[in-house]
C-alpha atoms as a PDB file:
ATOM      1  CA  MET A   1     -48.953  18.620 -48.298  1.00  0.00           C
ATOM      2  CA  ILE A   2     -46.231  16.246 -46.643  1.00  0.00           C
ATOM      3  CA  ASN A   3     -45.298  16.676 -42.450  1.00  0.00           C
ATOM      4  CA  GLN A   4     -41.250  17.881 -42.946  1.00  0.00           C
ATOM      5  CA  ASN A   5     -41.366  17.663 -39.267  1.00  0.00           C
ATOM      6  CA  PRO A   6     -39.655  14.433 -38.052  1.00  0.00           C
ATOM      7  CA  LEU A   7     -41.386  14.324 -35.070  1.00  0.00           C
ATOM      8  CA  HIS A   8     -44.745  14.375 -37.233  1.00  0.00           C
ATOM      9  CA  GLN A   9     -46.075  17.164 -34.755  1.00  0.00           C
ATOM     10  CA  PRO A  10     -47.461  20.520 -34.919  1.00  0.00           C
ATOM     11  CA  GLU A  11     -44.705  23.579 -34.879  1.00  0.00           C
ATOM     12  CA  HIS A  12     -43.423  24.562 -31.035  1.00  0.00           C
ATOM     13  CA  LYS A  13     -43.852  28.417 -30.973  1.00  0.00           C
ATOM     14  CA  ASN A  14     -41.650  29.481 -27.724  1.00  0.00           C
ATOM     15  CA  GLY A  15     -43.044  31.342 -25.393  1.00  0.00           C
ATOM     16  CA  PHE A  16     -45.483  30.628 -22.171  1.00  0.00           C
ATOM     17  CA  LYS A  17     -49.046  30.365 -20.892  1.00  0.00           C
ATOM     18  CA  CYS A  18     -51.095  33.426 -19.602  1.00  0.00           C
ATOM     19  CA  PRO A  19     -51.893  32.175 -15.958  1.00  0.00           C
ATOM     20  CA  LYS A  20     -54.653  34.792 -15.931  1.00  0.00           C
ATOM     21  CA  CYS A  21     -56.249  33.951 -19.322  1.00  0.00           C
ATOM     22  CA  GLU A  22     -54.296  30.957 -20.442  1.00  0.00           C
ATOM     23  CA  THR A  23     -53.547  32.353 -24.304  1.00  0.00           C
ATOM     24  CA  HIS A  24     -50.385  31.183 -25.537  1.00  0.00           C
ATOM     25  CA  ILE A  25     -47.697  34.533 -24.893  1.00  0.00           C
ATOM     26  CA  GLU A  26     -45.067  34.033 -27.776  1.00  0.00           C
ATOM     27  CA  THR A  27     -41.800  35.416 -26.949  1.00  0.00           C
ATOM     28  CA  SER A  28     -37.904  34.729 -27.819  1.00  0.00           C
ATOM     29  CA  LEU A  29     -35.204  34.230 -25.975  1.00  0.00           C
ATOM     30  CA  GLN A  30     -34.020  38.383 -27.066  1.00  0.00           C
ATOM     31  CA  ASP A  31     -37.158  39.318 -25.552  1.00  0.00           C
ATOM     32  CA  LEU A  32     -36.260  37.492 -22.081  1.00  0.00           C
ATOM     33  CA  LEU A  33     -32.579  39.242 -22.277  1.00  0.00           C
ATOM     34  CA  TYR A  34     -33.629  42.599 -23.223  1.00  0.00           C
ATOM     35  CA  GLN A  35     -37.374  43.658 -22.711  1.00  0.00           C
ATOM     36  CA  ALA A  36     -38.147  45.047 -19.083  1.00  0.00           C
ATOM     37  CA  SER A  37     -41.517  43.457 -19.679  1.00  0.00           C
ATOM     38  CA  ILE A  38     -43.965  41.422 -21.670  1.00  0.00           C
ATOM     39  CA  THR A  39     -47.616  41.907 -22.641  1.00  0.00           C
ATOM     40  CA  CYS A  40     -50.163  39.135 -22.926  1.00  0.00           C
ATOM     41  CA  PRO A  41     -51.815  40.197 -26.190  1.00  0.00           C
ATOM     42  CA  LYS A  42     -55.178  39.069 -25.311  1.00  0.00           C
ATOM     43  CA  CYS A  43     -55.534  40.160 -21.451  1.00  0.00           C
ATOM     44  CA  LEU A  44     -52.921  42.887 -21.646  1.00  0.00           C
ATOM     45  CA  THR A  45     -51.510  41.470 -18.089  1.00  0.00           C
ATOM     46  CA  ASN A  46     -48.068  42.195 -17.723  1.00  0.00           C
ATOM     47  CA  PHE A  47     -45.140  39.847 -16.887  1.00  0.00           C
ATOM     48  CA  SER A  48     -41.329  41.299 -16.217  1.00  0.00           C
ATOM     49  CA  MET A  49     -38.405  39.976 -14.531  1.00  0.00           C
ATOM     50  CA  ASP A  50     -36.515  40.185 -11.296  1.00  0.00           C
ATOM     51  CA  ARG A  51     -33.337  40.885 -12.998  1.00  0.00           C
ATOM     52  CA  GLU A  52     -31.233  40.981 -10.050  1.00  0.00           C
ATOM     53  CA  GLU A  53     -33.300  37.956  -8.558  1.00  0.00           C
ATOM     54  CA  SER A  54     -32.845  36.578 -11.979  1.00  0.00           C
ATOM     55  CA  SER A  55     -29.318  37.234 -12.493  1.00  0.00           C
ATOM     56  CA  LYS A  56     -28.180  33.568 -12.996  1.00  0.00           C
ATOM     57  CA  ALA A  57     -30.932  32.956 -15.010  1.00  0.00           C
ATOM     58  CA  ILE A  58     -30.130  35.432 -17.180  1.00  0.00           C
ATOM     59  CA  GLU A  59     -26.518  34.769 -17.348  1.00  0.00           C
ATOM     60  CA  LEU A  60     -27.535  31.168 -18.669  1.00  0.00           C
ATOM     61  CA  MET A  61     -30.138  32.652 -21.090  1.00  0.00           C
ATOM     62  CA  GLN A  62     -26.702  34.724 -22.488  1.00  0.00           C
ATOM     63  CA  LYS A  63     -24.349  31.962 -22.794  1.00  0.00           C
ATOM     64  CA  LEU A  64     -27.299  29.975 -24.700  1.00  0.00           C
ATOM     65  CA  LYS A  65     -27.808  33.396 -27.036  1.00  0.00           C
ATOM     66  CA  VAL A  66     -24.124  33.106 -27.894  1.00  0.00           C
ATOM     67  CA  ALA A  67     -24.026  29.193 -28.672  1.00  0.00           C
ATOM     68  CA  LEU A  68     -26.934  29.660 -30.562  1.00  0.00           C
ATOM     69  CA  GLU A  69     -25.240  32.025 -32.277  1.00  0.00           C
ATOM     70  CA  ASN A  70     -22.297  30.452 -32.877  1.00  0.00           C
ATOM     71  CA  ILE A  71     -24.280  27.218 -34.153  1.00  0.00           C
ATOM     72  CA  ASP A  72     -26.081  29.999 -37.138  1.00  0.00           C
ATOM     73  CA  THR A  73     -22.402  31.109 -37.856  1.00  0.00           C
ATOM     74  CA  ALA A  74     -21.090  27.383 -38.035  1.00  0.00           C
ATOM     75  CA  LYS A  75     -23.945  26.642 -40.723  1.00  0.00           C
ATOM     76  CA  LYS A  76     -22.848  29.495 -42.837  1.00  0.00           C
ATOM     77  CA  PHE A  77     -18.954  28.284 -43.143  1.00  0.00           C
ATOM     78  CA  LYS A  78     -18.129  26.456 -46.320  1.00  0.00           C
ATOM     79  CA  GLY A  79     -15.057  25.878 -45.767  1.00  0.00           C
END
């Protein structure tokens, strides 16, 4: 099978490493914006964001989400 990744690196899944058990916790921009918390599937440690303290980061993530949606829309345009 030919590796179609131009950098010949394994696909990176979005998320973060659990600081307790080091398991990769797969998450998405949607999860970060709309879920109250995220739980490690292995050790069940729960992670939540202080939405008031993180309001600037949340605002930037919302702008990123809109930009990504606009890119997807533009890719589908056949004008």
